[in-house]
Amino acid sequence: MTQVWDLARLVYEPMQEPDIDDVLAVEQDVYPHPWTRQNFADSLKQEYQAWVLRDQSRELLGYFLIMAIVDEAHLLNVAVARKHHGKGLGRFLLNQSVACARGLGMESMLLEVRPSNTRALEIYRRYGFNEIGRRKGYYPAANQQREDAIVMRFAL
């Protein structure tokens, strides 16, 4: 049975240093080549927009990080805990990231996604992101190979 979230009862708040352990656990579970603790710590130190979503028991459901550059927001990382995939939380986090970027006065949002991450690609396309290019060999992949990145943009 799919859980229906009462979004008003979820806790959506800025990511803080103590959140990194929970964020790292989700990151390592959902990504084949996850960010490191230092990646998250550096992002917080640089004061990137970093937000977490928790349920009422404080379980981490997901998070996102945005870097604002001139008039464009770069969605650096977004994830939903694996056991909560398919419950609308990814779309909620995208909505929140777009609202955050608009609040910063950004005109568009940019992201990169692996071609092999078909679930994310479908979510981004349905949301309205358009492919604008590819970065060859951008991501590390299995067996010391590299995987391209699909670059997508969403007009805010």
Protein backbone atom coordinates (compact mmCIF):
# COMPACT_ATOMS: atom_id res chain seq x y z
CA MET A 1 0.00 0.00 0.00
CA THR A 2 1.33 3.42 -0.94
CA GLN A 3 1.60 5.82 1.95
CA VAL A 4 -0.19 9.12 1.52
CA TRP A 5 1.73 11.96 3.15
CA ASP A 6 0.13 14.79 5.03
CA LEU A 7 2.71 17.27 3.75
CA ALA A 8 1.67 19.84 6.34
CA ARG A 9 2.87 17.45 9.05
CA LEU A 10 6.31 16.85 7.57
CA VAL A 11 9.31 18.78 8.83
CA TYR A 12 11.06 20.76 6.09
CA GLU A 13 14.06 22.68 7.36
CA PRO A 14 17.56 23.88 6.47
CA MET A 15 20.22 21.18 6.53
CA GLN A 16 22.63 21.54 9.43
CA GLU A 17 25.92 19.84 10.28
CA PRO A 18 24.20 17.29 12.60
CA ASP A 19 22.00 16.20 9.65
CA ILE A 20 24.99 14.96 7.64
CA ASP A 21 25.05 11.47 9.21
CA ASP A 22 21.44 10.81 8.17
CA VAL A 23 21.93 12.46 4.77
CA LEU A 24 25.06 10.41 4.13
CA ALA A 25 23.23 7.17 5.00
CA VAL A 26 20.52 7.93 2.41
CA GLU A 27 23.10 9.12 -0.12
CA GLN A 28 25.10 5.90 0.20
CA ASP A 29 21.97 3.79 -0.12
CA VAL A 30 20.52 5.40 -3.23
CA TYR A 31 23.54 6.37 -5.33
CA PRO A 32 26.16 4.02 -6.82
CA HIS A 33 28.78 6.78 -6.51
CA PRO A 34 27.61 8.85 -3.53
CA TRP A 35 28.82 12.20 -2.31
CA THR A 36 31.22 12.10 0.63
CA ARG A 37 30.76 13.58 4.07
CA GLN A 38 33.19 16.30 2.99
CA ASN A 39 31.06 17.17 -0.07
CA PHE A 40 28.10 17.86 2.22
CA ALA A 41 30.20 19.69 4.83
CA ASP A 42 31.77 21.88 2.15
CA SER A 43 28.35 22.68 0.67
CA LEU A 44 27.11 23.82 4.07
CA LYS A 45 30.29 25.83 4.63
CA GLN A 46 29.76 27.54 1.24
CA GLU A 47 26.21 28.35 2.40
CA TYR A 48 24.54 26.59 -0.50
CA GLN A 49 20.81 26.18 -0.10
CA ALA A 50 20.54 22.77 1.59
CA TRP A 51 17.26 21.43 2.94
CA VAL A 52 16.07 18.23 4.57
CA LEU A 53 12.63 16.65 4.78
CA ARG A 54 11.77 14.56 7.83
CA ASP A 55 8.67 12.87 9.14
CA GLN A 56 7.27 13.61 12.59
CA SER A 57 9.52 10.98 14.18
CA ARG A 58 12.53 12.81 12.65
CA GLU A 59 13.27 10.05 10.12
CA LEU A 60 15.02 11.56 7.10
CA LEU A 61 12.83 11.23 4.02
CA GLY A 62 14.93 13.25 1.58
CA TYR A 63 17.02 16.33 0.89
CA PHE A 64 18.29 18.69 -1.78
CA LEU A 65 21.14 21.16 -2.28
CA ILE A 66 21.22 24.15 -4.64
CA MET A 67 24.08 26.39 -5.67
CA ALA A 68 23.00 29.81 -6.96
CA ILE A 69 25.20 31.34 -9.67
CA VAL A 70 24.23 34.76 -11.05
CA ASP A 71 20.66 34.06 -12.24
CA GLU A 72 20.76 30.26 -12.43
CA ALA A 73 20.23 27.71 -9.68
CA HIS A 74 22.20 24.48 -10.01
CA LEU A 75 20.43 21.55 -8.38
CA LEU A 76 23.52 19.78 -7.06
CA ASN A 77 21.91 16.87 -5.30
CA VAL A 78 18.43 15.61 -4.52
CA ALA A 79 17.45 12.28 -3.03
CA VAL A 80 14.60 10.43 -1.40
CA ALA A 81 15.24 7.54 0.98
CA ARG A 82 14.85 4.31 -0.98
CA LYS A 83 11.99 2.94 1.14
CA HIS A 84 10.01 6.08 0.33
CA HIS A 85 10.47 6.02 -3.45
CA GLY A 86 7.28 6.27 -5.47
CA LYS A 87 5.35 8.19 -2.80
CA GLY A 88 5.51 11.68 -4.28
CA LEU A 89 8.35 12.95 -2.13
CA GLY A 90 10.68 13.49 -5.09
CA ARG A 91 8.13 15.79 -6.69
CA PHE A 92 7.65 17.57 -3.35
CA LEU A 93 11.40 18.15 -3.07
CA LEU A 94 11.54 19.40 -6.66
CA ASN A 95 8.69 21.80 -5.88
CA GLN A 96 10.57 23.03 -2.83
CA SER A 97 13.85 23.40 -4.73
CA VAL A 98 12.11 25.41 -7.46
CA ALA A 99 10.42 27.61 -4.84
CA CYS A 100 13.79 28.12 -3.15
CA ALA A 101 15.44 29.11 -6.45
CA ARG A 102 12.61 31.50 -7.28
CA GLY A 103 12.95 33.03 -3.83
CA LEU A 104 16.61 33.71 -4.61
CA GLY A 105 15.59 35.52 -7.81
CA MET A 106 16.94 32.83 -10.14
CA GLU A 107 15.63 32.62 -13.72
CA SER A 108 16.31 28.94 -14.38
CA MET A 109 17.43 25.72 -12.74
CA LEU A 110 20.12 23.47 -14.17
CA LEU A 111 20.94 19.88 -13.25
CA GLU A 112 22.93 16.90 -14.47
CA VAL A 113 21.62 13.35 -14.37
CA ARG A 114 23.04 10.01 -15.44
CA PRO A 115 21.40 8.44 -18.51
CA SER A 116 21.25 5.22 -16.47
CA ASN A 117 19.13 6.96 -13.80
CA THR A 118 15.93 6.42 -15.75
CA ARG A 119 13.70 6.98 -12.70
CA ALA A 120 15.11 10.48 -12.13
CA LEU A 121 15.09 11.29 -15.85
CA GLU A 122 11.39 10.49 -16.05
CA ILE A 123 10.63 12.62 -12.98
CA TYR A 124 12.58 15.58 -14.37
CA ARG A 125 10.98 15.31 -17.81
CA ARG A 126 7.48 15.10 -16.36
CA TYR A 127 8.26 18.12 -14.20
CA GLY A 128 9.21 20.15 -17.27
CA PHE A 129 13.01 19.99 -17.39
CA ASN A 130 14.39 19.92 -20.93
CA GLU A 131 17.61 18.32 -22.07
CA ILE A 132 20.03 21.01 -23.25
CA GLY A 133 23.23 19.02 -23.68
CA ARG A 134 25.57 16.29 -22.50
CA ARG A 135 28.78 16.28 -20.53
CA LYS A 136 30.93 13.42 -21.83
CA GLY A 137 32.45 11.17 -19.17
CA TYR A 138 31.15 13.36 -16.35
CA TYR A 139 30.30 10.69 -13.77
CA PRO A 140 32.40 7.85 -12.41
CA ALA A 141 30.90 4.47 -13.30
CA ALA A 142 31.59 0.80 -12.66
CA ASN A 143 34.92 -0.81 -13.58
CA GLN A 144 36.76 2.52 -13.64
CA GLN A 145 34.64 3.70 -16.56
CA ARG A 146 32.88 7.05 -16.95
CA GLU A 147 29.25 7.87 -17.72
CA ASP A 148 27.94 10.92 -19.52
CA ALA A 149 25.68 13.44 -17.83
CA ILE A 150 22.48 14.68 -19.39
CA VAL A 151 22.24 18.42 -18.71
CA MET A 152 18.71 19.64 -18.15
CA ARG A 153 17.21 23.08 -17.57
CA PHE A 154 13.91 24.31 -16.18
CA ALA A 155 12.77 27.90 -16.71
CA LEU A 156 11.60 29.46 -13.48
